Every structure is written in C-alpha cells, then in structure tokens.
C-alpha cells in the first residue's frame, strides 16, 4: 500500500483545477496507491528533471517521484501544459 504527498507547488496547481477534475484525480490516486505494483500503471519519463513517472487521468497528467512507499507528486495539470 502506497501513500501520496503533494509538494507545495503541485498542491497549488491541483487546487486551481476544476472541482470535478480534482475528485477524479483523487479517486485515481487512491486506486493506484491501493495496488502493490503501482509502476505497472505508470509510464516512466525520459526527462528526470520533471519527475520519474506519470499517470494519465483523462487529459490530465500527474507527474511523481517514487520513494519507497510514498508517491511525491511533483506536478499536476493538463497534458498540453504539463511538460513545459
């Protein structure tokens, strides 16, 4: 079982999103964190400056680093803006 934590920057990005999107992202994060093999749902990123992995939630992306049993969420946003 994994836990997730937002950084201060990603928390601000998350709170700027529409309420429906926020709920959808939290539900998906809870689902992913309940599984033992979390990396089977994640895509590894080639640019490690941004983060190690990403999740897709519709047109939104969650970029995170994996530290043992904690997901440190680095960025949250729409797919057209997230990689900039």
Protein backbone atom coordinates (compact mmCIF):
# COMPACT_ATOMS: atom_id res chain seq x y z
CA UNK A 1 0.00 0.00 0.00
CA UNK A 2 1.36 3.38 -1.02
CA UNK A 3 0.72 6.89 0.22
CA UNK A 4 0.84 10.09 -1.80
CA UNK A 5 2.01 13.56 -0.87
CA UNK A 6 1.73 16.77 -2.85
CA UNK A 7 4.60 19.23 -2.95
CA UNK A 8 3.64 22.84 -2.26
CA UNK A 9 3.83 23.70 -5.97
CA UNK A 10 1.77 20.71 -7.08
CA UNK A 11 -0.77 21.42 -4.36
CA UNK A 12 -1.30 24.92 -5.76
CA UNK A 13 -1.63 23.52 -9.29
CA UNK A 14 -4.11 20.93 -8.06
CA UNK A 15 -6.29 23.49 -6.28
CA UNK A 16 -6.53 25.60 -9.46
CA UNK A 17 -8.23 22.71 -11.30
CA UNK A 18 -11.99 22.32 -11.60
CA UNK A 19 -13.61 20.51 -8.65
CA UNK A 20 -14.77 17.56 -10.82
CA UNK A 21 -11.22 17.06 -12.09
CA UNK A 22 -9.85 17.21 -8.55
CA UNK A 23 -12.24 14.47 -7.42
CA UNK A 24 -11.38 12.35 -10.45
CA UNK A 25 -7.65 12.69 -9.76
CA UNK A 26 -8.01 11.79 -6.06
CA UNK A 27 -10.12 8.72 -6.91
CA UNK A 28 -7.48 7.54 -9.40
CA UNK A 29 -4.63 8.19 -6.96
CA UNK A 30 -6.43 6.17 -4.29
CA UNK A 31 -6.94 3.33 -6.77
CA UNK A 32 -3.31 3.33 -7.88
CA UNK A 33 -1.97 3.53 -4.32
CA UNK A 34 -4.10 0.57 -3.22
CA UNK A 35 -2.25 -1.74 -5.62
CA UNK A 36 1.09 -3.35 -4.87
CA UNK A 37 2.53 -2.92 -8.36
CA UNK A 38 2.00 0.78 -8.83
CA UNK A 39 4.60 1.07 -11.57
CA UNK A 40 2.52 -1.16 -13.84
CA UNK A 41 0.04 1.74 -14.15
CA UNK A 42 2.70 4.44 -14.51
CA UNK A 43 4.74 5.48 -17.53
CA UNK A 44 8.42 6.21 -16.89
CA UNK A 45 9.58 9.64 -18.05
CA UNK A 46 12.73 10.25 -20.04
CA UNK A 47 13.30 13.72 -18.56
CA UNK A 48 14.12 13.05 -14.92
CA UNK A 49 14.26 16.80 -14.21
CA UNK A 50 10.45 16.79 -14.29
CA UNK A 51 9.92 13.56 -12.38
CA UNK A 52 10.35 9.78 -12.59
CA UNK A 53 6.87 8.65 -13.63
CA UNK A 54 3.48 9.89 -14.79
CA UNK A 55 -0.13 8.80 -14.51
CA UNK A 56 -2.82 9.61 -17.06
CA UNK A 57 -6.22 10.74 -15.83
CA UNK A 58 -8.15 11.64 -18.96
CA UNK A 59 -6.49 14.71 -20.42
CA UNK A 60 -4.63 15.44 -17.18
CA UNK A 61 -1.26 14.17 -16.04
CA UNK A 62 0.18 13.51 -12.60
CA UNK A 63 3.98 13.57 -12.52
CA UNK A 64 5.57 11.98 -9.48
CA UNK A 65 8.69 10.54 -7.91
CA UNK A 66 8.55 7.20 -6.13
CA UNK A 67 10.35 7.00 -2.77
CA UNK A 68 9.84 3.53 -1.26
CA UNK A 69 6.13 3.57 -0.32
CA UNK A 70 5.46 7.30 -0.87
CA UNK A 71 4.49 8.99 -4.13
CA UNK A 72 5.81 12.54 -4.10
CA UNK A 73 3.59 14.36 -6.58
CA UNK A 74 5.65 16.99 -8.36
CA UNK A 75 3.24 18.38 -10.99
CA UNK A 76 -0.45 18.14 -11.84
CA UNK A 77 -2.01 19.66 -14.93
CA UNK A 78 -3.46 19.43 -18.40
CA UNK A 79 -1.43 17.42 -20.88
CA UNK A 80 -0.77 20.39 -23.17
CA UNK A 81 0.90 22.40 -20.37
CA UNK A 82 2.43 19.82 -18.03
CA UNK A 83 5.74 19.15 -19.81
CA UNK A 84 6.78 22.80 -20.16
